[in-house]
């Protein structure tokens, strides 16, 4: 599988460990940075990951920052990305099965390497269930016209 991965300075070590593990598992990994402890702005890397997804350079993406929150928000600014913030394998599995997430986000200050690997294993091996979930996921890109009352 082709996987794009991006992080800010708070998560660059976790990103490097996960990228190495993914390559050892046989995946093609595109590392979008950052690659050191110097302070950077997480939106820059989240936007780069969203662009990689939109351009079709990756099948799945991984977004990492200190909490996972900020970078997940920036990834989701791109309509081609459906990024879910996860903290354990069940949420990673459900993000694929029910929401057809193509990117997951995790917080390096909250998630250790073993839990991050378990989340990725669930995320990468779970298929989208489709059916009733497909209708709902479609609404993420095509919101219904809602009537407003006064």
Protein backbone atom coordinates (compact mmCIF):
# COMPACT_ATOMS: atom_id res chain seq x y z
CA UNK A 1 0.00 0.00 0.00
CA UNK A 2 1.15 3.58 -0.68
CA UNK A 3 1.14 5.56 2.56
CA UNK A 4 1.88 9.26 3.08
CA UNK A 5 2.94 10.33 6.56
CA UNK A 6 3.40 13.80 8.02
CA UNK A 7 4.10 15.31 11.43
CA UNK A 8 5.09 18.42 13.25
CA UNK A 9 8.13 18.69 15.54
CA UNK A 10 6.32 17.11 18.51
CA UNK A 11 5.79 13.87 16.58
CA UNK A 12 8.79 13.61 14.26
CA UNK A 13 10.35 10.76 16.29
CA UNK A 14 7.11 8.75 16.28
CA UNK A 15 6.76 9.45 12.56
CA UNK A 16 10.25 8.11 11.85
CA UNK A 17 9.60 4.94 13.87
CA UNK A 18 6.26 4.32 12.17
CA UNK A 19 7.67 4.99 8.69
CA UNK A 20 10.47 2.46 9.30
CA UNK A 21 7.98 -0.12 10.60
CA UNK A 22 5.63 0.42 7.64
CA UNK A 23 8.49 -0.02 5.16
CA UNK A 24 9.53 -3.22 6.94
CA UNK A 25 5.92 -4.40 6.53
CA UNK A 26 6.26 -3.87 2.75
CA UNK A 27 4.47 -0.55 2.31
CA UNK A 28 5.70 2.32 0.14
CA UNK A 29 5.99 5.35 2.44
CA UNK A 30 6.14 8.98 1.36
CA UNK A 31 7.52 11.03 4.27
CA UNK A 32 6.22 14.60 4.03
CA UNK A 33 8.25 15.85 7.01
CA UNK A 34 9.08 17.42 9.37
CA UNK A 35 12.35 15.74 10.17
CA UNK A 36 13.65 17.36 13.32
CA UNK A 37 12.84 18.94 16.67
CA UNK A 38 12.82 22.55 15.47
CA UNK A 39 9.42 24.13 15.96
CA UNK A 40 7.20 24.10 12.86
CA UNK A 41 3.53 24.80 12.19
CA UNK A 42 1.40 21.63 12.06
CA UNK A 43 -1.04 23.08 9.46
CA UNK A 44 1.73 23.16 6.85
CA UNK A 45 2.22 19.41 7.18
CA UNK A 46 -1.48 18.63 7.47
CA UNK A 47 -2.16 20.57 4.28
CA UNK A 48 0.69 18.73 2.53
CA UNK A 49 -0.85 15.40 3.55
CA UNK A 50 -4.28 16.49 2.30
CA UNK A 51 -2.71 17.47 -1.01
CA UNK A 52 -0.96 14.10 -1.31
CA UNK A 53 -4.30 12.36 -0.81
CA UNK A 54 -6.05 14.63 -3.34
CA UNK A 55 -3.31 14.05 -5.92
CA UNK A 56 -3.63 10.28 -5.56
CA UNK A 57 -0.04 9.81 -4.40
CA UNK A 58 -1.17 7.71 -1.44
CA UNK A 59 -3.86 5.16 -0.66
CA UNK A 60 -3.82 6.04 3.03
CA UNK A 61 -2.31 8.75 5.19
CA UNK A 62 -1.02 9.20 8.72
CA UNK A 63 -1.03 12.58 10.44
CA UNK A 64 0.86 13.13 13.69
CA UNK A 65 1.33 16.05 16.05
CA UNK A 66 1.50 16.44 19.83
CA UNK A 67 -2.20 15.75 20.40
CA UNK A 68 -3.30 14.76 16.89
CA UNK A 69 -6.03 17.38 17.03
CA UNK A 70 -4.47 20.29 15.15
CA UNK A 71 -3.04 18.27 12.29
CA UNK A 72 -6.31 16.34 11.86
CA UNK A 73 -8.18 19.62 11.47
CA UNK A 74 -5.73 20.83 8.82
CA UNK A 75 -5.85 17.53 6.88
CA UNK A 76 -9.65 17.68 6.84
CA UNK A 77 -9.59 21.09 5.14
CA UNK A 78 -8.96 19.15 1.92
CA UNK A 79 -12.20 17.59 0.64
CA UNK A 80 -10.29 14.53 -0.64
CA UNK A 81 -9.24 13.65 2.90
CA UNK A 82 -11.31 12.02 5.61
CA UNK A 83 -9.04 12.13 8.64
CA UNK A 84 -10.08 10.51 11.91
CA UNK A 85 -8.33 11.15 15.21
CA UNK A 86 -7.80 7.77 16.89
CA UNK A 87 -6.28 6.62 20.15
CA UNK A 88 -6.78 2.86 20.15
CA UNK A 89 -7.38 0.07 17.60
CA UNK A 90 -11.18 -0.01 17.80
CA UNK A 91 -11.51 3.65 16.83
CA UNK A 92 -9.02 3.06 14.00
CA UNK A 93 -11.03 0.06 12.78
CA UNK A 94 -14.35 1.91 12.96
CA UNK A 95 -12.89 4.93 11.17
CA UNK A 96 -12.38 2.67 8.16
CA UNK A 97 -15.41 0.41 8.51
CA UNK A 98 -18.04 3.12 9.12
CA UNK A 99 -16.46 6.36 7.89
CA UNK A 100 -14.18 5.24 5.05
CA UNK A 101 -11.39 7.33 6.59
CA UNK A 102 -8.36 7.50 4.35
CA UNK A 103 -6.16 9.25 6.93
CA UNK A 104 -5.75 8.70 10.64
CA UNK A 105 -4.29 11.13 13.13
CA UNK A 106 -2.63 10.34 16.42
CA UNK A 107 -1.00 12.38 19.17
CA UNK A 108 2.63 11.58 19.91
CA UNK A 109 2.29 12.97 23.44
CA UNK A 110 -0.68 10.66 24.05
CA UNK A 111 0.05 7.50 22.05
CA UNK A 112 3.12 5.28 22.43
CA UNK A 113 4.77 3.38 19.61
CA UNK A 114 3.12 0.02 20.38
CA UNK A 115 -0.38 1.53 20.52
CA UNK A 116 0.31 3.54 17.35
CA UNK A 117 1.34 0.35 15.54
CA UNK A 118 -1.80 -1.42 16.77
CA UNK A 119 -3.94 1.47 15.51
CA UNK A 120 -2.21 1.40 12.13
CA UNK A 121 -2.57 -2.36 11.82
CA UNK A 122 -6.33 -2.04 12.40
CA UNK A 123 -6.62 0.94 10.05
CA UNK A 124 -4.68 -0.68 7.21
CA UNK A 125 -6.45 -4.04 7.33
CA UNK A 126 -10.06 -2.90 7.67
CA UNK A 127 -12.29 -2.42 4.63
CA UNK A 128 -15.11 0.08 4.33
CA UNK A 129 -18.43 -1.63 5.07
CA UNK A 130 -20.39 0.40 2.51
CA UNK A 131 -24.15 -0.14 2.59
CA UNK A 132 -25.86 2.37 4.90
CA UNK A 133 -22.47 3.89 5.73
CA UNK A 134 -21.86 4.83 2.07
CA UNK A 135 -24.87 7.14 2.08
CA UNK A 136 -23.59 8.86 5.19
CA UNK A 137 -20.02 9.19 3.93
CA UNK A 138 -21.33 10.66 0.68
CA UNK A 139 -23.02 13.39 2.71
CA UNK A 140 -19.62 14.44 4.02
CA UNK A 141 -18.76 15.64 0.51
CA UNK A 142 -22.29 16.57 -0.54
CA UNK A 143 -24.18 17.99 2.43
CA UNK A 144 -27.97 17.86 2.25
CA UNK A 145 -29.94 21.07 1.95
CA UNK A 146 -31.33 21.64 5.40
CA UNK A 147 -34.37 23.76 6.07
CA UNK A 148 -33.86 26.30 8.79
CA UNK A 149 -36.62 27.47 11.08
CA UNK A 150 -36.85 30.81 12.80
